[in-house]
PDB file of N, CA and C in Angstrom:
ATOM      1  N   UNK A   1       0.845  -1.179   0.000  1.00  0.00           N
ATOM      2  CA  UNK A   1       0.000   0.000   0.000  1.00  0.00           C
ATOM      3  C   UNK A   1       0.887   1.238   0.000  1.00  0.00           C
ATOM      4  N   UNK A   2       0.514   2.222  -0.759  1.00  0.00           N
ATOM      5  CA  UNK A   2       1.278   3.464  -0.851  1.00  0.00           C
ATOM      6  C   UNK A   2       1.108   4.291   0.412  1.00  0.00           C
ATOM      7  N   UNK A   3       2.152   5.012   0.748  1.00  0.00           N
ATOM      8  CA  UNK A   3       2.114   5.910   1.902  1.00  0.00           C
ATOM      9  C   UNK A   3       2.318   7.329   1.383  1.00  0.00           C
ATOM     10  N   UNK A   4       1.222   7.952   0.927  1.00  0.00           N
ATOM     11  CA  UNK A   4       1.302   9.290   0.367  1.00  0.00           C
ATOM     12  C   UNK A   4       1.359  10.324   1.477  1.00  0.00           C
ATOM     13  N   UNK A   5       2.193  11.309   1.297  1.00  0.00           N
ATOM     14  CA  UNK A   5       2.284  12.404   2.250  1.00  0.00           C
ATOM     15  C   UNK A   5       1.996  13.694   1.500  1.00  0.00           C
ATOM     16  N   UNK A   6       1.172  14.508   2.093  1.00  0.00           N
ATOM     17  CA  UNK A   6       0.840  15.795   1.481  1.00  0.00           C
ATOM     18  C   UNK A   6       1.600  16.881   2.204  1.00  0.00           C
ATOM     19  N   UNK A   7       2.146  17.773   1.429  1.00  0.00           N
ATOM     20  CA  UNK A   7       2.931  18.868   1.974  1.00  0.00           C
ATOM     21  C   UNK A   7       2.168  20.155   1.701  1.00  0.00           C
ATOM     22  N   UNK A   8       1.837  20.873   2.745  1.00  0.00           N
ATOM     23  CA  UNK A   8       1.045  22.091   2.620  1.00  0.00           C
ATOM     24  C   UNK A   8       1.911  23.304   2.933  1.00  0.00           C
ATOM     25  N   UNK A   9       2.074  24.194   1.953  1.00  0.00           N
ATOM     26  CA  UNK A   9       2.811  25.442   2.133  1.00  0.00           C
ATOM     27  C   UNK A   9       1.903  26.567   1.658  1.00  0.00           C
ATOM     28  N   UNK A  10       1.580  27.467   2.557  1.00  0.00           N
ATOM     29  CA  UNK A  10       0.716  28.594   2.188  1.00  0.00           C
ATOM     30  C   UNK A  10       1.368  29.411   1.080  1.00  0.00           C
ATOM     31  N   UNK A  11       0.621  29.675   0.022  1.00  0.00           N
ATOM     32  CA  UNK A  11       1.134  30.441  -1.106  1.00  0.00           C
ATOM     33  C   UNK A  11       2.115  29.671  -1.972  1.00  0.00           C
ATOM     34  N   UNK A  12       2.187  28.368  -1.781  1.00  0.00           N
ATOM     35  CA  UNK A  12       3.148  27.542  -2.501  1.00  0.00           C
ATOM     36  C   UNK A  12       2.739  27.233  -3.926  1.00  0.00           C
ATOM     37  N   UNK A  13       3.702  26.715  -4.676  1.00  0.00           N
ATOM     38  CA  UNK A  13       3.470  26.245  -6.036  1.00  0.00           C
ATOM     39  C   UNK A  13       3.472  24.725  -5.986  1.00  0.00           C
ATOM     40  N   UNK A  14       2.475  24.117  -6.600  1.00  0.00           N
ATOM     41  CA  UNK A  14       2.271  22.676  -6.511  1.00  0.00           C
ATOM     42  C   UNK A  14       2.147  22.052  -7.895  1.00  0.00           C
ATOM     43  N   UNK A  15       2.670  20.824  -8.017  1.00  0.00           N
ATOM     44  CA  UNK A  15       2.531  20.020  -9.224  1.00  0.00           C
ATOM     45  C   UNK A  15       1.606  18.854  -8.891  1.00  0.00           C
ATOM     46  N   UNK A  16       0.574  18.660  -9.710  1.00  0.00           N
ATOM     47  CA  UNK A  16      -0.396  17.591  -9.486  1.00  0.00           C
ATOM     48  C   UNK A  16      -0.479  16.692 -10.709  1.00  0.00           C
ATOM     49  N   UNK A  17      -0.676  15.419 -10.455  1.00  0.00           N
ATOM     50  CA  UNK A  17      -1.048  14.467 -11.495  1.00  0.00           C
ATOM     51  C   UNK A  17      -2.364  13.851 -11.055  1.00  0.00           C
ATOM     52  N   UNK A  18      -3.372  13.968 -11.889  1.00  0.00           N
ATOM     53  CA  UNK A  18      -4.694  13.407 -11.602  1.00  0.00           C
ATOM     54  C   UNK A  18      -5.005  12.362 -12.666  1.00  0.00           C
ATOM     55  N   UNK A  19      -5.501  11.223 -12.221  1.00  0.00           N
ATOM     56  CA  UNK A  19      -5.787  10.108 -13.120  1.00  0.00           C
ATOM     57  C   UNK A  19      -7.287   9.839 -13.112  1.00  0.00           C
ATOM     58  N   UNK A  20      -7.841   9.545 -14.281  1.00  0.00           N
ATOM     59  CA  UNK A  20      -9.272   9.246 -14.364  1.00  0.00           C
ATOM     60  C   UNK A  20      -9.572   7.883 -13.726  1.00  0.00           C
ATOM     61  N   UNK A  21     -10.819   7.710 -13.363  1.00  0.00           N
ATOM     62  CA  UNK A  21     -11.266   6.470 -12.731  1.00  0.00           C
ATOM     63  C   UNK A  21     -10.931   5.275 -13.614  1.00  0.00           C
ATOM     64  N   UNK A  22     -10.203   4.337 -13.046  1.00  0.00           N
ATOM     65  CA  UNK A  22      -9.758   3.129 -13.750  1.00  0.00           C
ATOM     66  C   UNK A  22      -8.982   3.439 -15.028  1.00  0.00           C
ATOM     67  N   UNK A  23      -8.409   4.616 -15.058  1.00  0.00           N
ATOM     68  CA  UNK A  23      -7.618   5.088 -16.214  1.00  0.00           C
ATOM     69  C   UNK A  23      -8.394   5.028 -17.531  1.00  0.00           C
ATOM     70  N   UNK A  24      -9.672   5.221 -17.433  1.00  0.00           N
ATOM     71  CA  UNK A  24     -10.495   5.245 -18.649  1.00  0.00           C
ATOM     72  C   UNK A  24     -10.334   6.594 -19.329  1.00  0.00           C
ATOM     73  N   UNK A  25     -10.211   6.617 -20.641  1.00  0.00           N
ATOM     74  CA  UNK A  25     -10.055   7.891 -21.356  1.00  0.00           C
ATOM     75  C   UNK A  25     -11.271   8.799 -21.154  1.00  0.00           C
ATOM     76  N   UNK A  26     -11.054   9.944 -20.568  1.00  0.00           N
ATOM     77  CA  UNK A  26     -12.121  10.913 -20.304  1.00  0.00           C
ATOM     78  C   UNK A  26     -11.975  12.180 -21.138  1.00  0.00           C
ATOM     79  N   UNK A  27     -10.784  12.424 -21.656  1.00  0.00           N
ATOM     80  CA  UNK A  27     -10.509  13.683 -22.355  1.00  0.00           C
ATOM     81  C   UNK A  27     -10.034  13.387 -23.776  1.00  0.00           C
ATOM     82  N   UNK A  28     -10.936  12.820 -24.559  1.00  0.00           N
ATOM     83  CA  UNK A  28     -10.610  12.413 -25.925  1.00  0.00           C
ATOM     84  C   UNK A  28     -10.987  13.496 -26.930  1.00  0.00           C
ATOM     85  N   UNK A  29     -12.129  14.126 -26.730  1.00  0.00           N
ATOM     86  CA  UNK A  29     -12.639  15.126 -27.658  1.00  0.00           C
ATOM     87  C   UNK A  29     -12.405  16.537 -27.120  1.00  0.00           C
ATOM     88  N   UNK A  30     -12.278  17.516 -28.000  1.00  0.00           N
ATOM     89  CA  UNK A  30     -12.093  18.902 -27.543  1.00  0.00           C
ATOM     90  C   UNK A  30     -13.191  19.382 -26.592  1.00  0.00           C
ATOM     91  N   UNK A  31     -14.423  18.910 -26.770  1.00  0.00           N
ATOM     92  CA  UNK A  31     -15.502  19.339 -25.867  1.00  0.00           C
ATOM     93  C   UNK A  31     -15.267  18.834 -24.441  1.00  0.00           C
ATOM     94  N   UNK A  32     -14.572  17.703 -24.289  1.00  0.00           N
ATOM     95  CA  UNK A  32     -14.239  17.195 -22.955  1.00  0.00           C
ATOM     96  C   UNK A  32     -13.280  18.147 -22.247  1.00  0.00           C
ATOM     97  N   UNK A  33     -12.313  18.645 -22.988  1.00  0.00           N
ATOM     98  CA  UNK A  33     -11.338  19.584 -22.423  1.00  0.00           C
ATOM     99  C   UNK A  33     -12.020  20.912 -22.114  1.00  0.00           C
ATOM    100  N   UNK A  34     -12.969  21.317 -22.927  1.00  0.00           N
ATOM    101  CA  UNK A  34     -13.717  22.555 -22.652  1.00  0.00           C
ATOM    102  C   UNK A  34     -14.504  22.444 -21.346  1.00  0.00           C
ATOM    103  N   UNK A  35     -15.083  21.281 -21.085  1.00  0.00           N
ATOM    104  CA  UNK A  35     -15.787  21.079 -19.809  1.00  0.00           C
ATOM    105  C   UNK A  35     -14.820  21.155 -18.633  1.00  0.00           C
ATOM    106  N   UNK A  36     -13.630  20.612 -18.813  1.00  0.00           N
ATOM    107  CA  UNK A  36     -12.606  20.706 -17.768  1.00  0.00           C
ATOM    108  C   UNK A  36     -12.231  22.163 -17.532  1.00  0.00           C
ATOM    109  N   UNK A  37     -12.031  22.914 -18.598  1.00  0.00           N
ATOM    110  CA  UNK A  37     -11.714  24.348 -18.464  1.00  0.00           C
ATOM    111  C   UNK A  37     -12.817  25.095 -17.724  1.00  0.00           C
ATOM    112  N   UNK A  38     -14.055  24.775 -18.026  1.00  0.00           N
ATOM    113  CA  UNK A  38     -15.179  25.431 -17.348  1.00  0.00           C
ATOM    114  C   UNK A  38     -15.189  25.093 -15.860  1.00  0.00           C
ATOM    115  N   UNK A  39     -14.898  23.845 -15.520  1.00  0.00           N
ATOM    116  CA  UNK A  39     -14.843  23.445 -14.110  1.00  0.00           C
ATOM    117  C   UNK A  39     -13.723  24.178 -13.383  1.00  0.00           C
ATOM    118  N   UNK A  40     -12.576  24.305 -14.026  1.00  0.00           N
ATOM    119  CA  UNK A  40     -11.446  25.016 -13.421  1.00  0.00           C
ATOM    120  C   UNK A  40     -11.796  26.482 -13.214  1.00  0.00           C
ATOM    121  N   UNK A  41     -12.420  27.100 -14.200  1.00  0.00           N
ATOM    122  CA  UNK A  41     -12.803  28.517 -14.083  1.00  0.00           C
ATOM    123  C   UNK A  41     -13.795  28.727 -12.947  1.00  0.00           C
ATOM    124  N   UNK A  42     -14.715  27.801 -12.773  1.00  0.00           N
ATOM    125  CA  UNK A  42     -15.694  27.898 -11.691  1.00  0.00           C
ATOM    126  C   UNK A  42     -15.008  27.828 -10.325  1.00  0.00           C
ATOM    127  N   UNK A  43     -14.066  26.913 -10.186  1.00  0.00           N
ATOM    128  CA  UNK A  43     -13.325  26.797  -8.927  1.00  0.00           C
ATOM    129  C   UNK A  43     -12.481  28.047  -8.695  1.00  0.00           C
ATOM    130  N   UNK A  44     -11.811  28.538  -9.743  1.00  0.00           N
ATOM    131  CA  UNK A  44     -10.970  29.738  -9.611  1.00  0.00           C
ATOM    132  C   UNK A  44     -11.776  30.958  -9.192  1.00  0.00           C
ATOM    133  N   UNK A  45     -13.008  31.044  -9.622  1.00  0.00           N
ATOM    134  CA  UNK A  45     -13.846  32.179  -9.259  1.00  0.00           C
ATOM    135  C   UNK A  45     -14.074  32.238  -7.748  1.00  0.00           C
ATOM    136  N   UNK A  46     -14.320  31.077  -7.141  1.00  0.00           N
ATOM    137  CA  UNK A  46     -14.616  31.016  -5.709  1.00  0.00           C
ATOM    138  C   UNK A  46     -13.378  30.843  -4.832  1.00  0.00           C
ATOM    139  N   UNK A  47     -12.389  30.134  -5.338  1.00  0.00           N
ATOM    140  CA  UNK A  47     -11.157  29.872  -4.594  1.00  0.00           C
ATOM    141  C   UNK A  47      -9.978  30.178  -5.521  1.00  0.00           C
ATOM    142  N   UNK A  48      -9.537  31.418  -5.576  1.00  0.00           N
ATOM    143  CA  UNK A  48      -8.514  31.813  -6.543  1.00  0.00           C
ATOM    144  C   UNK A  48      -7.207  31.023  -6.422  1.00  0.00           C
ATOM    145  N   UNK A  49      -6.579  30.831  -7.555  1.00  0.00           N
ATOM    146  CA  UNK A  49      -5.227  30.282  -7.635  1.00  0.00           C
ATOM    147  C   UNK A  49      -4.674  30.639  -9.004  1.00  0.00           C
ATOM    148  N   UNK A  50      -3.367  30.634  -9.119  1.00  0.00           N
ATOM    149  CA  UNK A  50      -2.724  30.951 -10.398  1.00  0.00           C
ATOM    150  C   UNK A  50      -2.451  29.643 -11.129  1.00  0.00           C
ATOM    151  N   UNK A  51      -2.990  29.540 -12.309  1.00  0.00           N
ATOM    152  CA  UNK A  51      -2.861  28.342 -13.135  1.00  0.00           C
ATOM    153  C   UNK A  51      -1.650  28.547 -14.035  1.00  0.00           C
ATOM    154  N   UNK A  52      -0.548  27.875 -13.743  1.00  0.00           N
ATOM    155  CA  UNK A  52       0.693  28.097 -14.481  1.00  0.00           C
ATOM    156  C   UNK A  52       0.816  27.228 -15.728  1.00  0.00           C
ATOM    157  N   UNK A  53       0.394  25.972 -15.623  1.00  0.00           N
ATOM    158  CA  UNK A  53       0.540  25.066 -16.766  1.00  0.00           C
ATOM    159  C   UNK A  53      -0.380  23.865 -16.601  1.00  0.00           C
ATOM    160  N   UNK A  54      -0.703  23.253 -17.725  1.00  0.00           N
ATOM    161  CA  UNK A  54      -1.505  22.026 -17.713  1.00  0.00           C
ATOM    162  C   UNK A  54      -1.138  21.175 -18.918  1.00  0.00           C
ATOM    163  N   UNK A  55      -1.170  19.883 -18.708  1.00  0.00           N
ATOM    164  CA  UNK A  55      -1.049  18.912 -19.793  1.00  0.00           C
ATOM    165  C   UNK A  55      -2.218  17.956 -19.605  1.00  0.00           C
ATOM    166  N   UNK A  56      -3.084  17.881 -20.595  1.00  0.00           N
ATOM    167  CA  UNK A  56      -4.267  17.025 -20.498  1.00  0.00           C
ATOM    168  C   UNK A  56      -4.128  15.911 -21.527  1.00  0.00           C
ATOM    169  N   UNK A  57      -4.084  14.688 -21.025  1.00  0.00           N
ATOM    170  CA  UNK A  57      -3.999  13.498 -21.856  1.00  0.00           C
ATOM    171  C   UNK A  57      -5.308  12.722 -21.698  1.00  0.00           C
ATOM    172  N   UNK A  58      -5.581  11.733 -22.539  1.00  0.00           N
ATOM    173  CA  UNK A  58      -6.887  11.073 -22.485  1.00  0.00           C
ATOM    174  C   UNK A  58      -7.279  10.517 -21.112  1.00  0.00           C
ATOM    175  N   UNK A  59      -6.324   9.952 -20.364  1.00  0.00           N
ATOM    176  CA  UNK A  59      -6.683   9.325 -19.091  1.00  0.00           C
ATOM    177  C   UNK A  59      -6.033   9.956 -17.868  1.00  0.00           C
ATOM    178  N   UNK A  60      -5.254  10.988 -18.051  1.00  0.00           N
ATOM    179  CA  UNK A  60      -4.702  11.701 -16.898  1.00  0.00           C
ATOM    180  C   UNK A  60      -4.305  13.115 -17.289  1.00  0.00           C
ATOM    181  N   UNK A  61      -3.997  13.918 -16.265  1.00  0.00           N
ATOM    182  CA  UNK A  61      -3.612  15.307 -16.511  1.00  0.00           C
ATOM    183  C   UNK A  61      -2.586  15.740 -15.481  1.00  0.00           C
ATOM    184  N   UNK A  62      -1.807  16.745 -15.846  1.00  0.00           N
ATOM    185  CA  UNK A  62      -0.816  17.346 -14.958  1.00  0.00           C
ATOM    186  C   UNK A  62      -1.133  18.829 -14.844  1.00  0.00           C
ATOM    187  N   UNK A  63      -1.028  19.361 -13.626  1.00  0.00           N
ATOM    188  CA  UNK A  63      -1.271  20.780 -13.374  1.00  0.00           C
ATOM    189  C   UNK A  63      -0.124  21.362 -12.572  1.00  0.00           C
ATOM    190  N   UNK A  64       0.147  22.623 -12.808  1.00  0.00           N
ATOM    191  CA  UNK A  64       1.086  23.391 -11.999  1.00  0.00           C
ATOM    192  C   UNK A  64       0.342  24.634 -11.544  1.00  0.00           C
ATOM    193  N   UNK A  65       0.160  24.771 -10.230  1.00  0.00           N
ATOM    194  CA  UNK A  65      -0.612  25.871  -9.644  1.00  0.00           C
ATOM    195  C   UNK A  65       0.205  26.591  -8.596  1.00  0.00           C
ATOM    196  N   UNK A  66      -0.099  27.874  -8.403  1.00  0.00           N
ATOM    197  CA  UNK A  66       0.393  28.638  -7.257  1.00  0.00           C
ATOM    198  C   UNK A  66      -0.824  29.166  -6.513  1.00  0.00           C
ATOM    199  N   UNK A  67      -0.846  28.920  -5.212  1.00  0.00           N
ATOM    200  CA  UNK A  67      -1.954  29.385  -4.380  1.00  0.00           C
ATOM    201  C   UNK A  67      -1.661  30.778  -3.846  1.00  0.00           C
ATOM    202  N   UNK A  68      -2.699  31.508  -3.449  1.00  0.00           N
ATOM    203  CA  UNK A  68      -2.503  32.853  -2.905  1.00  0.00           C
ATOM    204  C   UNK A  68      -1.735  32.800  -1.576  1.00  0.00           C
ATOM    205  N   UNK A  69      -1.068  33.895  -1.214  1.00  0.00           N
ATOM    206  CA  UNK A  69      -0.376  33.944   0.077  1.00  0.00           C
ATOM    207  C   UNK A  69      -1.356  33.630   1.214  1.00  0.00           C
ATOM    208  N   UNK A  70      -0.913  32.815   2.140  1.00  0.00           N
ATOM    209  CA  UNK A  70      -1.743  32.462   3.284  1.00  0.00           C
ATOM    210  C   UNK A  70      -2.722  31.329   3.035  1.00  0.00           C
ATOM    211  N   UNK A  71      -2.733  30.776   1.840  1.00  0.00           N
ATOM    212  CA  UNK A  71      -3.686  29.720   1.477  1.00  0.00           C
ATOM    213  C   UNK A  71      -2.911  28.459   1.091  1.00  0.00           C
ATOM    214  N   UNK A  72      -3.269  27.331   1.685  1.00  0.00           N
ATOM    215  CA  UNK A  72      -2.623  26.063   1.331  1.00  0.00           C
ATOM    216  C   UNK A  72      -3.647  24.966   1.036  1.00  0.00           C
ATOM    217  N   UNK A  73      -4.894  25.349   0.789  1.00  0.00           N
ATOM    218  CA  UNK A  73      -5.971  24.381   0.597  1.00  0.00           C
ATOM    219  C   UNK A  73      -6.151  24.007  -0.872  1.00  0.00           C
ATOM    220  N   UNK A  74      -5.217  23.227  -1.392  1.00  0.00           N
ATOM    221  CA  UNK A  74      -5.376  22.756  -2.766  1.00  0.00           C
ATOM    222  C   UNK A  74      -6.342  21.572  -2.826  1.00  0.00           C
ATOM    223  N   UNK A  75      -6.481  20.841  -1.737  1.00  0.00           N
ATOM    224  CA  UNK A  75      -7.334  19.646  -1.729  1.00  0.00           C
ATOM    225  C   UNK A  75      -8.787  19.956  -2.073  1.00  0.00           C
ATOM    226  N   UNK A  76      -9.332  21.010  -1.495  1.00  0.00           N
ATOM    227  CA  UNK A  76     -10.738  21.319  -1.784  1.00  0.00           C
ATOM    228  C   UNK A  76     -10.910  21.787  -3.222  1.00  0.00           C
ATOM    229  N   UNK A  77      -9.921  22.454  -3.774  1.00  0.00           N
ATOM    230  CA  UNK A  77     -10.000  22.889  -5.173  1.00  0.00           C
ATOM    231  C   UNK A  77     -10.051  21.677  -6.102  1.00  0.00           C
ATOM    232  N   UNK A  78      -9.177  20.727  -5.864  1.00  0.00           N
ATOM    233  CA  UNK A  78      -9.164  19.526  -6.698  1.00  0.00           C
ATOM    234  C   UNK A  78     -10.465  18.750  -6.516  1.00  0.00           C
ATOM    235  N   UNK A  79     -10.931  18.646  -5.293  1.00  0.00           N
ATOM    236  CA  UNK A  79     -12.195  17.958  -5.037  1.00  0.00           C
ATOM    237  C   UNK A  79     -13.357  18.585  -5.775  1.00  0.00           C
ATOM    238  N   UNK A  80     -13.403  19.900  -5.803  1.00  0.00           N
ATOM    239  CA  UNK A  80     -14.487  20.589  -6.518  1.00  0.00           C
ATOM    240  C   UNK A  80     -14.370  20.399  -8.025  1.00  0.00           C
ATOM    241  N   UNK A  81     -13.152  20.373  -8.548  1.00  0.00           N
ATOM    242  CA  UNK A  81     -12.969  20.156  -9.987  1.00  0.00           C
ATOM    243  C   UNK A  81     -13.463  18.777 -10.405  1.00  0.00           C
ATOM    244  N   UNK A  82     -13.199  17.793  -9.575  1.00  0.00           N
ATOM    245  CA  UNK A  82     -13.610  16.420  -9.897  1.00  0.00           C
ATOM    246  C   UNK A  82     -15.122  16.322  -9.958  1.00  0.00           C
TER     247      UNK A  82
END
């Protein structure tokens, strides 16, 4: 079993890899990526963060974010995006 540790730094820059359920391709068509963009924009409106980079592949994605000073709650942002 994996022993994941989360490191929380207020105002930090974080790299995330998110994988789709059972690695099933979820982002095959451009409209799928547009829905992801809309979800990210909705989260950013309520919980701001700086979106530095993204790589979206059919069954997983990578993000690079910077959170505002004093904020280290990336978990709720990712949860809302999902």
